[in-house]
Amino acid sequence: MAEVIERGGATEVVPRQGVGRLLDRVATGFTMLGGLTFCALIAMSIVSIVGRKLFSAPVQGDVELMQMGAAVGAAAFLPLCGLYDHNVKVDA
């Protein structure tokens, strides 16, 4: 990816090189894994809800798995946010 540098109203795109490119790819990989974690949590939640309503057999410990998975998924976004000087805002 490229880094955007603003100079006096004009915006310049500077491509990352060397270690910066490696860090960008690793951080992007973590972000993708975090997104997949959230998709897996959604699937687990659907299976648990359907199992609870139709078969009286929910996924055991689904709330705890949801809490831990959400924490891991959100933490996976932090490297990319830190690399681009952005924030992750979490509202309860």
Foldseek 3Di string as FASTA:
>chain_A
DWAWDDDPNDIDTHRDDDVLVVLLVVLVVLLVVLVVLVVVLVVLVVQQVCCCPPPVDGDPPNVVSSVVSNVSSVVSNVSNCVSNVHDDDDDD
